[in-house]
């Protein structure tokens, strides 16, 4: 965890920690990806003359995915992040969109089939409907 103030001041700390701690998953809002990529590209351009990398020994190869969540996701942010960090062994399929709990509930409960529940209904005399995957339902003999 990085405090928001520390992140705003130095977004490259997040990238550096992911590299050094061999992180394989992280979540941040669209703003964070954009801010980190811009600051990295800016630092890299400024250090061209000194040939110094903004983050020494940067290796993002263990990142399985980075989740962009909390606020609207912009495709150009993903592209900017790839431009900044793609050559540091960032996987091509690193990007995952994250959704809030409300969206997850809607997605998790969307089914095109349902089964009547074999469990005692919460309201006596009213049948219950069970939703989920086939594996969620107990086998009835």
N, C-alpha and C. Protein backbone atom coordinates (compact mmCIF):
# COMPACT_ATOMS: atom_id res chain seq x y z
N UNK A 1 0.84 -1.18 0.00
CA UNK A 1 0.00 0.00 0.00
C UNK A 1 0.89 1.24 0.00
N UNK A 2 0.51 2.18 -0.80
CA UNK A 2 1.20 3.46 -0.88
C UNK A 2 0.17 4.54 -0.56
N UNK A 3 0.54 5.49 0.26
CA UNK A 3 -0.41 6.56 0.57
C UNK A 3 -0.69 7.35 -0.71
N UNK A 4 -1.90 7.88 -0.84
CA UNK A 4 -2.23 8.67 -2.02
C UNK A 4 -1.29 9.85 -2.22
N UNK A 5 -0.89 10.49 -1.13
CA UNK A 5 0.01 11.64 -1.24
C UNK A 5 1.36 11.20 -1.79
N UNK A 6 1.90 10.11 -1.27
CA UNK A 6 3.18 9.60 -1.77
C UNK A 6 3.08 9.19 -3.24
N UNK A 7 1.95 8.59 -3.60
CA UNK A 7 1.78 8.18 -5.00
C UNK A 7 1.74 9.39 -5.92
N UNK A 8 0.99 10.41 -5.55
CA UNK A 8 0.89 11.61 -6.39
C UNK A 8 2.27 12.23 -6.57
N UNK A 9 3.03 12.30 -5.49
CA UNK A 9 4.37 12.90 -5.55
C UNK A 9 5.34 12.04 -6.37
N UNK A 10 5.24 10.73 -6.22
CA UNK A 10 6.19 9.83 -6.87
C UNK A 10 5.51 8.55 -7.36
N UNK A 11 4.80 8.62 -8.48
CA UNK A 11 4.10 7.43 -8.98
C UNK A 11 5.04 6.32 -9.42
N UNK A 12 6.31 6.66 -9.66
CA UNK A 12 7.25 5.63 -10.07
C UNK A 12 7.61 4.71 -8.92
N UNK A 13 7.33 5.13 -7.68
CA UNK A 13 7.54 4.26 -6.53
C UNK A 13 6.69 2.99 -6.67
N UNK A 14 5.45 3.13 -7.12
CA UNK A 14 4.55 1.99 -7.33
C UNK A 14 5.16 1.01 -8.34
N UNK A 15 5.62 1.53 -9.45
CA UNK A 15 6.21 0.68 -10.50
C UNK A 15 7.48 0.01 -9.98
N UNK A 16 8.32 0.78 -9.31
CA UNK A 16 9.56 0.25 -8.75
C UNK A 16 9.28 -0.86 -7.74
N UNK A 17 8.31 -0.65 -6.86
CA UNK A 17 7.97 -1.68 -5.87
C UNK A 17 7.43 -2.94 -6.53
N UNK A 18 6.63 -2.80 -7.57
CA UNK A 18 6.13 -3.99 -8.27
C UNK A 18 7.29 -4.79 -8.84
N UNK A 19 8.29 -4.10 -9.34
CA UNK A 19 9.46 -4.77 -9.90
C UNK A 19 10.30 -5.43 -8.80
N UNK A 20 10.67 -4.66 -7.79
CA UNK A 20 11.56 -5.16 -6.73
C UNK A 20 10.92 -6.25 -5.88
N UNK A 21 9.62 -6.11 -5.60
CA UNK A 21 8.93 -7.09 -4.76
C UNK A 21 8.36 -8.25 -5.56
N UNK A 22 8.57 -8.24 -6.86
CA UNK A 22 8.15 -9.32 -7.76
C UNK A 22 6.63 -9.54 -7.70
N UNK A 23 5.92 -8.42 -7.71
CA UNK A 23 4.46 -8.43 -7.64
C UNK A 23 3.88 -9.07 -8.90
N UNK A 24 2.79 -9.82 -8.76
CA UNK A 24 2.16 -10.39 -9.95
C UNK A 24 0.75 -9.87 -10.18
N UNK A 25 0.26 -8.99 -9.29
CA UNK A 25 -1.09 -8.47 -9.45
C UNK A 25 -1.21 -7.17 -8.66
N UNK A 26 -1.87 -6.19 -9.25
CA UNK A 26 -2.14 -4.93 -8.56
C UNK A 26 -3.40 -4.30 -9.15
N UNK A 27 -4.01 -3.43 -8.36
CA UNK A 27 -5.23 -2.74 -8.78
C UNK A 27 -5.04 -1.25 -8.57
N UNK A 28 -5.48 -0.47 -9.52
CA UNK A 28 -5.41 0.99 -9.40
C UNK A 28 -6.44 1.60 -10.34
N UNK A 29 -6.81 2.86 -10.09
CA UNK A 29 -7.72 3.54 -11.01
C UNK A 29 -7.01 3.98 -12.28
N UNK A 30 -7.78 4.28 -13.28
CA UNK A 30 -7.25 4.74 -14.56
C UNK A 30 -6.23 5.86 -14.38
N UNK A 31 -6.55 6.79 -13.49
CA UNK A 31 -5.66 7.92 -13.22
C UNK A 31 -4.24 7.45 -12.85
N UNK A 32 -4.13 6.41 -12.03
CA UNK A 32 -2.82 5.94 -11.57
C UNK A 32 -1.97 5.43 -12.72
N UNK A 33 -2.57 4.67 -13.62
CA UNK A 33 -1.82 4.14 -14.77
C UNK A 33 -1.34 5.29 -15.65
N UNK A 34 -2.21 6.25 -15.87
CA UNK A 34 -1.87 7.40 -16.72
C UNK A 34 -0.77 8.24 -16.06
N UNK A 35 -0.91 8.51 -14.77
CA UNK A 35 0.06 9.33 -14.05
C UNK A 35 1.44 8.66 -14.03
N UNK A 36 1.48 7.37 -13.73
CA UNK A 36 2.75 6.65 -13.68
C UNK A 36 3.41 6.61 -15.06
N UNK A 37 2.64 6.33 -16.09
CA UNK A 37 3.20 6.26 -17.45
C UNK A 37 3.75 7.61 -17.90
N UNK A 38 2.99 8.67 -17.67
CA UNK A 38 3.45 10.01 -18.06
C UNK A 38 4.74 10.40 -17.34
N UNK A 39 4.79 10.16 -16.04
CA UNK A 39 5.98 10.52 -15.26
C UNK A 39 7.19 9.68 -15.69
N UNK A 40 6.96 8.42 -16.02
CA UNK A 40 8.06 7.56 -16.46
C UNK A 40 8.61 8.03 -17.80
N UNK A 41 7.71 8.29 -18.74
CA UNK A 41 8.13 8.77 -20.06
C UNK A 41 8.85 10.11 -19.94
N UNK A 42 8.32 11.00 -19.11
CA UNK A 42 8.95 12.30 -18.87
C UNK A 42 10.35 12.13 -18.28
N UNK A 43 10.50 11.27 -17.28
CA UNK A 43 11.81 11.03 -16.65
C UNK A 43 12.78 10.39 -17.64
N UNK A 44 12.27 9.49 -18.45
CA UNK A 44 13.12 8.83 -19.45
C UNK A 44 13.62 9.83 -20.49
N UNK A 45 12.73 10.71 -20.94
CA UNK A 45 13.13 11.73 -21.92
C UNK A 45 14.14 12.70 -21.35
N UNK A 46 13.99 13.06 -20.09
CA UNK A 46 14.94 13.97 -19.45
C UNK A 46 16.30 13.34 -19.21
N UNK A 47 16.32 12.02 -19.03
CA UNK A 47 17.60 11.35 -18.75
C UNK A 47 18.27 10.82 -20.01
N UNK A 48 17.73 11.08 -21.17
CA UNK A 48 18.32 10.59 -22.43
C UNK A 48 19.79 10.98 -22.54
N UNK A 49 20.10 12.19 -22.12
CA UNK A 49 21.47 12.66 -22.26
C UNK A 49 22.41 11.96 -21.29
N UNK A 50 21.89 11.62 -20.10
CA UNK A 50 22.72 10.93 -19.12
C UNK A 50 22.66 9.42 -19.27
N UNK A 51 21.80 8.92 -20.15
CA UNK A 51 21.62 7.49 -20.39
C UNK A 51 21.25 6.74 -19.11
N UNK A 52 20.60 7.41 -18.17
CA UNK A 52 20.19 6.81 -16.90
C UNK A 52 18.72 6.41 -17.01
N UNK A 53 18.40 5.18 -16.62
CA UNK A 53 17.02 4.72 -16.60
C UNK A 53 16.30 5.34 -15.40
N UNK A 54 15.03 5.72 -15.55
CA UNK A 54 14.29 6.28 -14.42
C UNK A 54 14.16 5.32 -13.24
N UNK A 55 14.06 4.03 -13.53
CA UNK A 55 14.02 2.99 -12.49
C UNK A 55 15.06 1.95 -12.86
N UNK A 56 16.05 1.79 -12.01
CA UNK A 56 17.13 0.84 -12.28
C UNK A 56 16.63 -0.60 -12.20
N UNK A 57 17.09 -1.43 -13.12
CA UNK A 57 16.79 -2.87 -13.15
C UNK A 57 15.29 -3.17 -13.18
N UNK A 58 14.55 -2.36 -13.88
CA UNK A 58 13.10 -2.54 -13.95
C UNK A 58 12.76 -3.82 -14.69
N UNK A 59 11.99 -4.68 -14.03
CA UNK A 59 11.57 -5.96 -14.62
C UNK A 59 10.13 -6.22 -14.20
N UNK A 60 9.22 -6.14 -15.15
CA UNK A 60 7.80 -6.35 -14.87
C UNK A 60 7.31 -7.71 -15.37
N UNK A 61 8.22 -8.63 -15.55
CA UNK A 61 7.90 -9.93 -16.15
C UNK A 61 7.01 -10.81 -15.28
N UNK A 62 7.00 -10.62 -13.97
CA UNK A 62 6.17 -11.47 -13.12
C UNK A 62 4.75 -10.97 -12.96
N UNK A 63 4.46 -9.80 -13.50
CA UNK A 63 3.10 -9.28 -13.41
C UNK A 63 2.20 -10.12 -14.31
N UNK A 64 1.23 -10.74 -13.70
CA UNK A 64 0.26 -11.53 -14.47
C UNK A 64 -0.81 -10.60 -15.01
N UNK A 65 -1.34 -9.76 -14.12
CA UNK A 65 -2.25 -8.74 -14.61
C UNK A 65 -2.31 -7.56 -13.66
N UNK A 66 -2.63 -6.43 -14.25
CA UNK A 66 -2.88 -5.20 -13.52
C UNK A 66 -4.32 -4.81 -13.80
N UNK A 67 -5.05 -4.58 -12.75
CA UNK A 67 -6.47 -4.31 -12.88
C UNK A 67 -6.71 -2.80 -12.83
N UNK A 68 -7.44 -2.32 -13.83
CA UNK A 68 -7.82 -0.91 -13.90
C UNK A 68 -9.26 -0.85 -13.40
N UNK A 69 -9.46 -0.16 -12.27
CA UNK A 69 -10.78 -0.17 -11.66
C UNK A 69 -11.10 1.18 -11.03
N UNK A 70 -12.26 1.30 -10.47
CA UNK A 70 -12.75 2.42 -9.69
C UNK A 70 -13.35 3.54 -10.53
N UNK A 71 -12.73 3.92 -11.60
CA UNK A 71 -13.22 5.03 -12.41
C UNK A 71 -13.29 4.59 -13.87
N UNK A 72 -13.91 5.38 -14.73
CA UNK A 72 -13.99 4.97 -16.15
C UNK A 72 -12.60 4.65 -16.73
N UNK A 73 -12.56 3.58 -17.49
CA UNK A 73 -11.31 3.09 -18.08
C UNK A 73 -11.19 3.69 -19.48
N UNK A 74 -10.02 4.25 -19.77
CA UNK A 74 -9.78 4.86 -21.07
C UNK A 74 -8.75 4.01 -21.81
N UNK A 75 -9.08 3.62 -23.03
CA UNK A 75 -8.19 2.79 -23.82
C UNK A 75 -6.84 3.45 -24.05
N UNK A 76 -6.82 4.77 -24.23
CA UNK A 76 -5.54 5.43 -24.48
C UNK A 76 -4.63 5.37 -23.25
N UNK A 77 -5.19 5.20 -22.06
CA UNK A 77 -4.36 5.02 -20.86
C UNK A 77 -3.63 3.68 -20.93
N UNK A 78 -4.34 2.64 -21.33
CA UNK A 78 -3.72 1.32 -21.50
C UNK A 78 -2.58 1.42 -22.52
N UNK A 79 -2.83 2.08 -23.63
CA UNK A 79 -1.81 2.22 -24.67
C UNK A 79 -0.61 3.02 -24.18
N UNK A 80 -0.86 4.09 -23.41
CA UNK A 80 0.23 4.89 -22.86
C UNK A 80 1.07 4.07 -21.88
N UNK A 81 0.41 3.27 -21.05
CA UNK A 81 1.12 2.43 -20.09
C UNK A 81 1.99 1.41 -20.82
N UNK A 82 1.45 0.82 -21.88
CA UNK A 82 2.23 -0.13 -22.68
C UNK A 82 3.40 0.55 -23.37
N UNK A 83 3.20 1.76 -23.83
CA UNK A 83 4.30 2.51 -24.45
C UNK A 83 5.42 2.74 -23.43
N UNK A 84 5.04 3.08 -22.22
CA UNK A 84 6.03 3.37 -21.18
C UNK A 84 6.74 2.11 -20.69
N UNK A 85 6.00 1.03 -20.46
CA UNK A 85 6.56 -0.12 -19.75
C UNK A 85 6.62 -1.42 -20.55
N UNK A 86 6.16 -1.39 -21.78
CA UNK A 86 6.14 -2.61 -22.59
C UNK A 86 7.51 -3.22 -22.81
N UNK A 87 8.54 -2.42 -22.89
CA UNK A 87 9.88 -2.96 -23.15
C UNK A 87 10.57 -3.45 -21.88
N UNK A 88 9.85 -3.44 -20.76
CA UNK A 88 10.41 -3.93 -19.49
C UNK A 88 9.78 -5.27 -19.11
N UNK A 89 9.51 -6.05 -20.14
CA UNK A 89 9.00 -7.42 -20.01
C UNK A 89 7.58 -7.48 -19.45
N UNK A 90 6.81 -6.44 -19.68
CA UNK A 90 5.40 -6.44 -19.32
C UNK A 90 4.65 -7.33 -20.30
N UNK A 91 3.88 -8.27 -19.79
CA UNK A 91 3.15 -9.20 -20.65
C UNK A 91 2.18 -8.46 -21.57
N UNK A 92 1.92 -9.04 -22.71
CA UNK A 92 0.98 -8.43 -23.66
C UNK A 92 -0.45 -8.43 -23.12
N UNK A 93 -0.79 -9.42 -22.29
CA UNK A 93 -2.15 -9.53 -21.77
C UNK A 93 -2.25 -9.08 -20.31
N UNK A 94 -1.51 -8.07 -19.95
CA UNK A 94 -1.44 -7.57 -18.58
C UNK A 94 -2.72 -6.90 -18.11
N UNK A 95 -3.48 -6.34 -19.02
CA UNK A 95 -4.60 -5.47 -18.68
C UNK A 95 -5.86 -6.25 -18.34
N UNK A 96 -6.47 -5.88 -17.19
CA UNK A 96 -7.75 -6.46 -16.78
C UNK A 96 -8.63 -5.32 -16.28
N UNK A 97 -9.84 -5.27 -16.76
CA UNK A 97 -10.78 -4.26 -16.28
C UNK A 97 -11.41 -4.76 -14.99
N UNK A 98 -11.49 -3.90 -14.00
CA UNK A 98 -12.12 -4.26 -12.74
C UNK A 98 -13.44 -3.53 -12.59
N UNK A 99 -14.37 -4.17 -11.97
CA UNK A 99 -15.67 -3.56 -11.77
C UNK A 99 -16.01 -3.55 -10.30
N UNK A 100 -16.88 -2.67 -9.91
CA UNK A 100 -17.30 -2.56 -8.53
C UNK A 100 -18.24 -3.68 -8.14
N UNK A 101 -18.59 -3.74 -6.88
CA UNK A 101 -19.43 -4.81 -6.37
C UNK A 101 -20.80 -4.84 -7.05
N UNK A 102 -21.38 -3.68 -7.31
CA UNK A 102 -22.70 -3.66 -7.95
C UNK A 102 -22.65 -4.33 -9.31
N UNK A 103 -21.63 -4.02 -10.09
CA UNK A 103 -21.50 -4.62 -11.41
C UNK A 103 -21.24 -6.12 -11.31
N UNK A 104 -20.44 -6.51 -10.31
CA UNK A 104 -20.14 -7.93 -10.14
C UNK A 104 -21.41 -8.71 -9.81
N UNK A 105 -22.23 -8.16 -8.92
CA UNK A 105 -23.46 -8.85 -8.55
C UNK A 105 -24.34 -9.05 -9.77
N UNK A 106 -24.47 -8.02 -10.58
CA UNK A 106 -25.28 -8.15 -11.79
C UNK A 106 -24.69 -9.22 -12.70
N UNK A 107 -23.39 -9.20 -12.91
CA UNK A 107 -22.75 -10.20 -13.77
C UNK A 107 -22.83 -11.60 -13.21
N UNK A 108 -22.66 -11.73 -11.91
CA UNK A 108 -22.66 -13.05 -11.29
C UNK A 108 -24.04 -13.68 -11.27
N UNK A 109 -25.07 -12.85 -11.26
CA UNK A 109 -26.42 -13.40 -11.19
C UNK A 109 -27.10 -13.51 -12.54
N UNK A 110 -26.43 -13.08 -13.59
CA UNK A 110 -27.02 -13.19 -14.91
C UNK A 110 -26.92 -14.64 -15.39
N UNK A 111 -28.03 -15.25 -15.61
CA UNK A 111 -28.06 -16.61 -16.14
C UNK A 111 -29.18 -16.69 -17.16
N UNK A 112 -29.05 -17.60 -18.07
CA UNK A 112 -30.14 -17.80 -19.02
C UNK A 112 -30.93 -19.06 -18.66
N UNK A 113 -30.60 -19.67 -17.54
CA UNK A 113 -31.33 -20.82 -17.01
C UNK A 113 -31.48 -20.64 -15.51
N UNK A 114 -32.43 -21.30 -14.96
CA UNK A 114 -32.55 -21.32 -13.51
C UNK A 114 -33.12 -22.66 -13.12
N UNK A 115 -33.01 -22.99 -11.85
CA UNK A 115 -33.58 -24.22 -11.32
C UNK A 115 -34.34 -23.87 -10.06
N UNK A 116 -35.40 -24.62 -9.78
CA UNK A 116 -36.09 -24.42 -8.52
C UNK A 116 -35.21 -24.98 -7.43
N UNK A 117 -35.17 -24.29 -6.32
CA UNK A 117 -34.31 -24.69 -5.22
C UNK A 117 -34.90 -25.87 -4.48
N UNK A 118 -34.04 -26.76 -4.01
CA UNK A 118 -34.49 -27.87 -3.19
C UNK A 118 -34.44 -27.49 -1.71
N UNK A 119 -33.95 -26.29 -1.42
CA UNK A 119 -33.83 -25.83 -0.04
C UNK A 119 -35.13 -25.23 0.42
N UNK A 120 -35.32 -25.15 1.72
CA UNK A 120 -36.51 -24.56 2.31
C UNK A 120 -36.61 -23.10 1.87
N UNK A 121 -37.70 -22.70 1.27
CA UNK A 121 -37.82 -21.32 0.83
C UNK A 121 -37.84 -20.36 2.02
N UNK A 122 -37.39 -19.14 1.80
CA UNK A 122 -37.38 -18.15 2.87
C UNK A 122 -38.79 -17.72 3.25
N UNK A 123 -39.71 -17.79 2.29
CA UNK A 123 -41.12 -17.49 2.55
C UNK A 123 -41.91 -18.78 2.35
N UNK A 124 -42.44 -19.36 3.41
CA UNK A 124 -43.19 -20.62 3.26
C UNK A 124 -44.28 -20.51 2.20
N UNK A 125 -44.38 -21.54 1.39
CA UNK A 125 -45.38 -21.56 0.34
C UNK A 125 -44.93 -20.91 -0.96
N UNK A 126 -43.76 -20.27 -0.96
CA UNK A 126 -43.23 -19.62 -2.16
C UNK A 126 -42.02 -20.41 -2.65
N UNK A 127 -42.01 -20.82 -3.91
CA UNK A 127 -40.81 -21.51 -4.41
C UNK A 127 -39.65 -20.54 -4.53
N UNK A 128 -38.44 -21.04 -4.36
CA UNK A 128 -37.24 -20.23 -4.51
C UNK A 128 -36.57 -20.59 -5.82
N UNK A 129 -35.89 -19.64 -6.38
CA UNK A 129 -35.15 -19.86 -7.61
C UNK A 129 -33.66 -19.82 -7.28
N UNK A 130 -32.93 -20.83 -7.73
CA UNK A 130 -31.49 -20.87 -7.50
C UNK A 130 -30.79 -20.49 -8.79
N UNK A 131 -29.77 -19.65 -8.67
CA UNK A 131 -28.99 -19.27 -9.84
C UNK A 131 -27.53 -19.60 -9.57
N UNK A 132 -26.79 -19.82 -10.62
CA UNK A 132 -25.37 -20.13 -10.50
C UNK A 132 -25.00 -21.16 -11.54
N UNK A 133 -23.80 -21.67 -11.43
CA UNK A 133 -23.36 -22.67 -12.39
C UNK A 133 -23.86 -24.04 -11.97
N UNK A 134 -23.79 -24.99 -12.85
CA UNK A 134 -24.23 -26.35 -12.58
C UNK A 134 -23.57 -26.91 -11.32
N UNK A 135 -22.31 -26.57 -11.10
CA UNK A 135 -21.56 -27.11 -9.96
C UNK A 135 -22.04 -26.54 -8.64
N UNK A 136 -22.81 -25.47 -8.67
CA UNK A 136 -23.30 -24.86 -7.42
C UNK A 136 -24.46 -25.63 -6.83
N UNK A 137 -25.12 -26.43 -7.65
CA UNK A 137 -26.33 -27.09 -7.19
C UNK A 137 -26.01 -28.49 -6.66
N UNK A 138 -26.56 -28.85 -5.50
CA UNK A 138 -26.32 -30.21 -5.00
C UNK A 138 -27.00 -31.23 -5.90
N UNK A 139 -26.42 -32.40 -5.96
CA UNK A 139 -27.00 -33.47 -6.77
C UNK A 139 -28.24 -34.01 -6.07
N UNK A 140 -29.32 -34.11 -6.82
CA UNK A 140 -30.58 -34.63 -6.28
C UNK A 140 -30.78 -36.02 -6.84
N UNK A 141 -31.08 -36.96 -5.95
CA UNK A 141 -31.29 -38.36 -6.41
C UNK A 141 -32.75 -38.67 -6.48
